[in-house]
Amino acid sequence: MIHGPARVLVADDSEDNRTLLIAMLAGNGYQILEAGDGEEALRLAASADIVLPDVKMPKPDGRAVCRRLRLQPQTRFLPIVLVTALDAKQDRIDGIEAGADDFLTKPVDRTQLIARVRALLQLKTQRDDSERLRSEFTSMIVHDLRSPLTSIIGFADLMAVDLAPGQRREFSGHVIASARQMLQMINELLDLNRLESGLSPVKQQTISLGLLLDDAVAQAGPLAAGRGLQLRLDVPRDLPLLLGDDRQLRQVLTNLLDNAIKFAKQTVRVSARHVDQHVAVTVTDDGPGVAASELSELFERWHQTESGRTLGKGSGLGLAIVKRLVDAHGGTVSAVLPPAGGLAMCVCLPVPNGLPVPNGLP
């Protein structure tokens, strides 16, 4: 990632040529580094964001500089634009084989210079961002999977010794719970990857949101009861029909209910209202809530609230999946801090014209 002004290394044994290129780059906010030969260019390259080496530069020449930079891990993907007075086809082929990204032919045109530098710096920024996300992704996966895996191994080791039946059942329960936690995280990763890769298109089906809510609450009932929670449903019988993907909207409701049940102290409430051309579904818990400053970050992947980190709950993926599914349906999702405390998740979905309103649910 480029922090501050981009650093452009101009490498040429001719001071006049360096001065000309630097003058052309002036006014674009770049920090300029200078090298008078190949060895100096190689020393400075690790501090640069892009390198402009002259082909005929000595000790070594520009093509040799390219080859050596491509062999070093720190500069393997550093953008390189060879500056050359040569214009033969074979010269350009040799430069490409040496690892150059682009060429500038002398006399250098200022417009082409600025365009090439700007384009390659933009590509470098995108690549650096991708590498950063990959590194963060790997770190989070290792961190989040290590805890339940350590628990599984620890309790499995204890079960290998002679235990009383009650202890064996208890330890088996811990192993199963940890394995389910790992499986949920893996499934969430796969779901998020499919959504972000465009591999989960929205199927247009006619959906009764009232029935969908009834089913989601019924499925979440045992989990809520197991934690001593009340699960309340407040949904009118005349909610309009929607167009969307039944499986994806079920996942939205399931993720919101699971999240609310994780943090609730006594009660989780599910309500729905028809407002203008939208249906608003709200899932509210009476848990610890979040800081107001965290509301805008709740739907980012890997984000865990302060309470979530403290209690060791959540992977930081469930709400990111909710947002992508709701966005795909043309809706919006937001988090609200109720006056009484806790957290409310509000999903707003559009109601298409021309669909009937149910006369009540069985």
Protein backbone atom coordinates (compact mmCIF):
# COMPACT_ATOMS: atom_id res chain seq x y z
CA MET A 1 0.00 0.00 0.00
CA ILE A 2 1.27 3.48 -0.87
CA HIS A 3 1.34 5.79 2.14
CA GLY A 4 1.84 9.46 1.38
CA PRO A 5 3.25 10.69 -1.96
CA ALA A 6 4.18 7.94 -4.40
CA ARG A 7 7.96 7.49 -4.70
CA VAL A 8 9.26 7.48 -8.29
CA LEU A 9 12.84 6.30 -8.86
CA VAL A 10 14.47 7.87 -11.93
CA ALA A 11 17.63 5.92 -12.84
CA ASP A 12 19.89 7.21 -15.62
CA ASP A 13 23.61 7.88 -15.86
CA SER A 14 22.90 11.17 -17.64
CA GLU A 15 22.11 13.96 -15.21
CA ASP A 16 20.45 15.92 -18.03
CA ASN A 17 18.08 13.01 -18.76
CA ARG A 18 17.21 12.65 -15.07
CA THR A 19 16.54 16.39 -14.79
CA LEU A 20 14.26 16.27 -17.84
CA LEU A 21 12.19 13.36 -16.51
CA ILE A 22 11.96 14.92 -13.05
CA ALA A 23 10.74 18.17 -14.59
CA MET A 24 8.05 16.26 -16.50
CA LEU A 25 6.92 14.53 -13.31
CA ALA A 26 6.84 17.77 -11.31
CA GLY A 27 3.47 19.02 -10.17
CA ASN A 28 1.92 15.55 -9.76
CA GLY A 29 2.70 15.15 -6.08
CA TYR A 30 5.39 12.48 -6.50
CA GLN A 31 8.45 12.11 -4.32
CA ILE A 32 11.46 11.69 -6.62
CA LEU A 33 14.42 9.40 -5.99
CA GLU A 34 17.49 9.56 -8.27
CA ALA A 35 20.08 6.95 -9.23
CA GLY A 36 23.10 7.52 -11.51
CA ASP A 37 23.79 3.85 -12.27
CA GLY A 38 22.32 0.37 -11.94
CA GLU A 39 23.84 -0.46 -8.56
CA GLU A 40 22.46 2.70 -7.00
CA ALA A 41 19.06 1.96 -8.59
CA LEU A 42 19.07 -1.52 -7.03
CA ARG A 43 19.87 -0.04 -3.60
CA LEU A 44 17.04 2.51 -3.81
CA ALA A 45 14.41 0.31 -5.49
CA ALA A 46 13.10 -1.16 -2.22
CA SER A 47 12.14 2.38 -1.15
CA ALA A 48 10.36 3.19 -4.44
CA ASP A 49 6.81 2.61 -5.66
CA ILE A 50 7.81 2.62 -9.35
CA VAL A 51 11.17 2.56 -11.18
CA LEU A 52 12.10 4.29 -14.45
CA PRO A 53 15.51 2.80 -15.43
CA ASP A 54 17.37 3.74 -18.59
CA VAL A 55 18.20 0.75 -20.80
CA LYS A 56 21.78 1.92 -21.56
CA MET A 57 22.56 2.84 -17.96
CA PRO A 58 25.85 1.27 -16.77
CA LYS A 59 26.72 -0.97 -13.80
CA PRO A 60 24.38 -2.81 -14.68
CA ASP A 61 22.10 -1.69 -17.52
CA GLY A 62 18.33 -1.23 -17.24
CA ARG A 63 17.43 -4.76 -18.38
CA ALA A 64 19.80 -6.31 -15.83
CA VAL A 65 18.24 -4.10 -13.15
CA CYS A 66 14.81 -5.47 -14.16
CA ARG A 67 15.97 -9.07 -13.93
CA ARG A 68 17.54 -8.61 -10.51
CA LEU A 69 14.55 -6.75 -9.11
CA ARG A 70 12.25 -9.55 -10.26
CA LEU A 71 14.38 -12.08 -8.35
CA GLN A 72 14.04 -10.26 -5.01
CA PRO A 73 10.85 -10.92 -2.99
CA GLN A 74 10.56 -7.29 -1.85
CA THR A 75 10.66 -5.90 -5.41
CA ARG A 76 9.23 -8.84 -7.37
CA PHE A 77 6.06 -6.95 -8.29
CA LEU A 78 7.49 -3.42 -8.33
CA PRO A 79 6.28 -1.52 -11.44
CA ILE A 80 9.13 -0.93 -13.90
CA VAL A 81 9.02 1.29 -17.00
CA LEU A 82 12.14 1.00 -19.15
CA VAL A 83 13.24 4.26 -20.74
CA THR A 84 15.04 3.60 -24.01
CA ALA A 85 16.32 5.22 -27.18
CA LEU A 86 15.97 1.80 -28.85
CA ASP A 87 12.83 1.14 -30.84
CA ALA A 88 13.50 -2.22 -32.45
CA LYS A 89 11.02 -5.03 -31.88
CA GLN A 90 13.69 -7.35 -30.45
CA ASP A 91 14.80 -4.68 -27.97
CA ARG A 92 11.28 -4.48 -26.60
CA ILE A 93 10.98 -8.26 -26.43
CA ASP A 94 14.25 -8.39 -24.48
CA GLY A 95 12.88 -5.80 -22.07
CA ILE A 96 9.65 -7.74 -21.53
CA GLU A 97 11.61 -10.94 -20.91
CA ALA A 98 13.73 -9.05 -18.38
CA GLY A 99 10.56 -8.13 -16.46
CA ALA A 100 9.63 -4.61 -17.59
CA ASP A 101 5.95 -3.64 -17.31
CA ASP A 102 6.09 -0.93 -19.98
CA PHE A 103 8.36 1.20 -22.18
CA LEU A 104 8.99 4.87 -22.87
CA THR A 105 10.91 5.78 -25.99
CA LYS A 106 13.22 8.78 -26.04
CA PRO A 107 12.53 11.60 -26.56
CA VAL A 108 9.97 10.97 -23.81
CA ASP A 109 6.51 12.43 -24.27
CA ARG A 110 5.29 14.02 -21.02
CA THR A 111 1.66 12.93 -21.50
CA GLN A 112 2.67 9.30 -22.05
CA LEU A 113 5.04 9.42 -19.07
CA ILE A 114 2.39 10.69 -16.68
CA ALA A 115 -0.22 8.26 -18.02
CA ARG A 116 2.03 5.21 -17.67
CA VAL A 117 3.24 6.15 -14.19
CA ARG A 118 -0.28 6.89 -12.98
CA ALA A 119 -1.73 3.64 -14.39
CA LEU A 120 1.00 1.43 -12.95
CA LEU A 121 0.82 3.11 -9.54
CA GLN A 122 -2.93 2.49 -9.51
CA LEU A 123 -2.35 -1.20 -10.30
CA LYS A 124 0.26 -1.36 -7.53
CA THR A 125 -2.21 0.11 -5.04
CA GLN A 126 -4.84 -2.45 -6.03
CA ARG A 127 -2.37 -5.29 -5.71
CA ASP A 128 -1.11 -4.03 -2.34
CA ASP A 129 -4.71 -3.79 -1.10
CA SER A 130 -5.39 -7.35 -2.27
CA GLU A 131 -2.26 -8.60 -0.53
CA ARG A 132 -3.23 -6.80 2.67
CA LEU A 133 -6.73 -8.30 2.59
CA ARG A 134 -5.29 -11.76 1.92
CA SER A 135 -2.91 -11.39 4.84
CA GLU A 136 -5.70 -10.18 7.15
CA PHE A 137 -7.95 -12.99 5.92
CA THR A 138 -5.30 -15.64 6.63
CA SER A 139 -4.58 -14.17 10.06
CA MET A 140 -8.25 -14.09 11.01
CA ILE A 141 -8.86 -17.65 9.80
CA VAL A 142 -5.90 -19.00 11.75
CA HIS A 143 -6.93 -17.08 14.87
CA ASP A 144 -10.63 -17.97 14.76
CA LEU A 145 -10.19 -21.65 13.90
CA ARG A 146 -7.36 -22.26 16.36
CA SER A 147 -9.53 -21.71 19.45
CA PRO A 148 -12.23 -24.35 18.72
CA LEU A 149 -9.61 -26.73 17.32
CA THR A 150 -7.56 -26.43 20.52
CA SER A 151 -10.72 -27.16 22.50
CA ILE A 152 -11.46 -30.26 20.40
CA ILE A 153 -7.94 -31.62 20.84
CA GLY A 154 -7.89 -30.86 24.56
CA PHE A 155 -11.18 -32.56 25.37
CA ALA A 156 -10.40 -35.46 23.02
CA ASP A 157 -7.15 -36.05 24.95
CA LEU A 158 -9.09 -36.05 28.24
CA MET A 159 -11.60 -38.52 26.80
CA ALA A 160 -8.76 -40.90 26.01
CA VAL A 161 -8.34 -41.63 29.71
CA ASP A 162 -10.75 -43.55 31.93
CA LEU A 163 -13.60 -41.13 32.74
CA ALA A 164 -16.84 -41.34 34.60
CA PRO A 165 -19.88 -41.51 32.27
CA GLY A 166 -20.99 -38.01 33.25
CA GLN A 167 -17.58 -36.51 32.45
CA ARG A 168 -17.44 -38.34 29.11
CA ARG A 169 -20.81 -36.90 28.11
CA GLU A 170 -19.72 -33.42 29.20
CA PHE A 171 -16.45 -33.56 27.28
CA SER A 172 -18.18 -35.02 24.22
CA GLY A 173 -20.55 -32.06 24.30
CA HIS A 174 -17.61 -29.63 24.28
CA VAL A 175 -16.03 -31.43 21.31
CA ILE A 176 -19.28 -31.37 19.33
CA ALA A 177 -19.93 -27.69 20.11
CA SER A 178 -16.43 -26.69 19.01
CA ALA A 179 -16.69 -28.76 15.83
CA ARG A 180 -20.02 -27.11 15.00
CA GLN A 181 -18.45 -23.68 15.58
CA MET A 182 -15.71 -24.53 13.07
CA LEU A 183 -18.21 -25.89 10.56
CA GLN A 184 -20.33 -22.73 10.83
CA MET A 185 -17.31 -20.55 10.20
CA ILE A 186 -16.28 -22.61 7.16
CA ASN A 187 -19.82 -22.47 5.77
CA GLU A 188 -19.93 -18.70 6.28
CA LEU A 189 -16.62 -18.31 4.45
CA LEU A 190 -17.92 -20.36 1.53
CA ASP A 191 -21.19 -18.38 1.44
CA LEU A 192 -19.38 -15.05 1.47
CA ASN A 193 -16.98 -16.20 -1.25
CA ARG A 194 -19.87 -17.30 -3.48
CA LEU A 195 -21.68 -14.00 -2.96
CA GLU A 196 -18.63 -11.86 -3.68
CA SER A 197 -17.76 -13.99 -6.72
CA GLY A 198 -21.26 -13.60 -8.17
CA LEU A 199 -21.91 -17.34 -7.91
CA SER A 200 -25.17 -16.97 -5.95
CA PRO A 201 -27.64 -15.14 -8.21
CA VAL A 202 -31.03 -14.13 -6.79
CA LYS A 203 -33.82 -16.42 -7.95
CA GLN A 204 -37.06 -14.53 -8.53
CA GLN A 205 -39.72 -16.40 -6.55
CA THR A 206 -42.99 -15.23 -5.05
CA ILE A 207 -42.46 -15.31 -1.29
CA SER A 208 -44.83 -14.99 1.65
CA LEU A 209 -42.73 -13.08 4.16
CA GLY A 210 -45.18 -13.95 6.94
CA LEU A 211 -44.67 -17.68 6.41
CA LEU A 212 -40.93 -17.18 6.07
CA LEU A 213 -40.80 -15.38 9.41
CA ASP A 214 -42.94 -18.05 11.08
CA ASP A 215 -40.57 -20.77 9.83
CA ALA A 216 -37.40 -18.89 10.84
CA VAL A 217 -38.69 -18.22 14.36
CA ALA A 218 -39.85 -21.83 14.75
CA GLN A 219 -36.40 -23.12 13.73
CA ALA A 220 -34.66 -20.70 16.11
CA GLY A 221 -37.01 -21.64 18.97
CA PRO A 222 -35.01 -24.58 20.38
CA LEU A 223 -31.79 -22.55 20.39
CA ALA A 224 -33.49 -19.68 22.23
CA ALA A 225 -35.16 -22.05 24.68
CA GLY A 226 -31.85 -23.79 25.35
CA ARG A 227 -30.48 -20.45 26.51
CA GLY A 228 -33.53 -19.60 28.58
CA LEU A 229 -34.68 -16.82 26.22
CA GLN A 230 -38.14 -15.73 25.14
CA LEU A 231 -38.57 -15.47 21.37
CA ARG A 232 -41.48 -13.19 20.47
CA LEU A 233 -43.01 -12.70 17.02
CA ASP A 234 -45.10 -9.67 16.13
CA VAL A 235 -46.10 -9.93 12.47
CA PRO A 236 -49.40 -8.83 10.86
CA ARG A 237 -51.23 -11.45 8.81
CA ASP A 238 -51.59 -9.19 5.77
CA LEU A 239 -47.96 -8.63 4.84
CA PRO A 240 -47.59 -8.29 1.04
CA LEU A 241 -45.89 -10.92 -1.06
CA LEU A 242 -42.29 -10.33 -2.17
CA LEU A 243 -40.17 -11.33 -5.13
CA GLY A 244 -36.85 -12.83 -4.21
CA ASP A 245 -34.82 -15.90 -3.39
CA ASP A 246 -36.47 -17.97 -0.65
CA ARG A 247 -33.24 -19.67 0.43
CA GLN A 248 -31.27 -16.43 0.59
CA LEU A 249 -33.93 -14.55 2.57
CA ARG A 250 -34.18 -17.49 4.98
CA GLN A 251 -30.43 -17.17 5.50
CA VAL A 252 -30.83 -13.45 6.23
CA LEU A 253 -33.42 -14.15 8.93
CA THR A 254 -31.47 -17.10 10.34
CA ASN A 255 -28.27 -15.06 10.63
CA LEU A 256 -30.08 -12.15 12.31
CA LEU A 257 -31.85 -14.46 14.77
CA ASP A 258 -28.67 -16.39 15.58
CA ASN A 259 -26.84 -13.13 16.20
CA ALA A 260 -29.60 -11.80 18.46
CA ILE A 261 -29.84 -15.05 20.44
CA LYS A 262 -26.07 -15.06 21.04
CA PHE A 263 -26.20 -11.74 22.88
CA ALA A 264 -29.72 -11.50 24.33
CA LYS A 265 -30.21 -11.59 28.10
CA GLN A 266 -33.90 -12.49 28.25
CA THR A 267 -35.81 -11.67 25.07
CA VAL A 268 -35.52 -11.55 21.28
CA ARG A 269 -38.31 -9.80 19.39
CA VAL A 270 -39.11 -10.14 15.69
CA SER A 271 -41.49 -7.65 14.10
CA ALA A 272 -42.54 -6.68 10.58
CA ARG A 273 -44.43 -3.73 9.13
CA HIS A 274 -45.62 -2.74 5.66
CA VAL A 275 -44.57 0.87 5.04
CA ASP A 276 -45.28 2.46 1.64
CA GLN A 277 -43.61 0.24 -0.99
CA HIS A 278 -41.40 -1.59 1.49
CA VAL A 279 -41.61 -4.19 4.22
CA ALA A 280 -39.46 -3.56 7.29
CA VAL A 281 -38.37 -6.54 9.40
CA THR A 282 -36.73 -5.81 12.76
CA VAL A 283 -34.92 -8.30 15.02
CA THR A 284 -34.25 -6.83 18.47
CA ASP A 285 -32.32 -8.26 21.41
CA ASP A 286 -31.88 -6.95 24.95
CA GLY A 287 -28.20 -7.75 25.13
CA PRO A 288 -25.20 -5.47 25.81
CA GLY A 289 -25.60 -3.64 22.49
CA VAL A 290 -22.68 -1.90 20.83
CA ALA A 291 -20.98 1.47 20.98
CA ALA A 292 -22.56 4.05 18.68
CA SER A 293 -19.20 4.38 16.91
CA GLU A 294 -19.39 0.71 15.88
CA LEU A 295 -22.77 0.87 14.12
CA SER A 296 -21.32 1.79 10.73
CA GLU A 297 -18.84 -1.12 10.87
CA LEU A 298 -21.16 -3.95 11.92
CA PHE A 299 -21.73 -5.23 8.37
CA GLU A 300 -18.07 -5.26 7.35
CA ARG A 301 -16.54 -8.70 7.10
CA TRP A 302 -14.39 -9.79 10.05
CA HIS A 303 -15.70 -6.97 12.23
CA GLN A 304 -16.36 -8.11 15.77
CA THR A 305 -17.93 -5.81 18.33
CA GLU A 306 -16.29 -5.13 21.66
CA SER A 307 -18.93 -7.27 23.39
CA GLY A 308 -18.44 -10.03 20.83
CA ARG A 309 -14.70 -10.13 21.40
CA THR A 310 -15.20 -10.08 25.17
CA LEU A 311 -17.70 -12.94 25.11
CA GLY A 312 -15.87 -14.83 22.33
CA LYS A 313 -18.98 -14.93 20.15
CA GLY A 314 -19.26 -14.58 16.40
CA SER A 315 -16.84 -14.84 13.49
CA GLY A 316 -17.49 -11.39 12.06
CA LEU A 317 -18.98 -12.90 8.88
CA GLY A 318 -22.69 -13.43 9.59
CA LEU A 319 -23.75 -9.79 9.26
CA ALA A 320 -21.48 -9.27 6.24
CA ILE A 321 -23.41 -12.08 4.53
CA VAL A 322 -26.73 -10.48 5.56
CA LYS A 323 -25.76 -7.17 3.97
CA ARG A 324 -24.71 -8.73 0.67
CA LEU A 325 -27.90 -10.80 0.45
CA VAL A 326 -30.13 -7.83 1.28
CA ASP A 327 -28.26 -5.62 -1.21
CA ALA A 328 -28.79 -8.27 -3.89
CA HIS A 329 -32.55 -8.03 -3.25
CA GLY A 330 -32.55 -4.26 -3.67
CA GLY A 331 -33.07 -3.69 0.05
CA THR A 332 -31.18 -2.09 2.91
CA VAL A 333 -30.06 -3.27 6.33
CA SER A 334 -29.11 -1.11 9.29
CA ALA A 335 -28.43 -1.34 13.00
CA VAL A 336 -30.18 0.81 15.59
CA LEU A 337 -29.63 1.30 19.32
CA PRO A 338 -33.09 1.12 21.00
CA PRO A 339 -33.70 3.52 23.93
CA ALA A 340 -34.20 0.55 26.27
CA GLY A 341 -30.82 -0.93 25.35
CA GLY A 342 -29.73 -3.89 23.27
CA LEU A 343 -29.50 -3.84 19.49
CA ALA A 344 -32.06 -3.80 16.68
CA MET A 345 -31.30 -5.01 13.15
CA CYS A 346 -33.64 -3.55 10.53
CA VAL A 347 -34.06 -5.05 7.06
CA CYS A 348 -36.07 -3.10 4.51
CA LEU A 349 -37.17 -4.96 1.35
CA PRO A 350 -39.03 -3.52 -1.66
CA VAL A 351 -42.59 -4.65 -2.42
CA PRO A 352 -43.10 -5.18 -6.17
CA ASN A 353 -46.19 -3.80 -7.87
CA GLY A 354 -48.88 -6.19 -9.04
CA LEU A 355 -48.53 -8.92 -6.41
CA PRO A 356 -51.58 -9.67 -4.24
CA VAL A 357 -51.76 -9.22 -0.48
CA PRO A 358 -52.41 -12.50 1.37
CA ASN A 359 -55.77 -12.76 3.14
CA GLY A 360 -54.15 -14.12 6.26
CA LEU A 361 -51.97 -17.10 6.98
CA PRO A 362 -53.21 -20.53 8.01
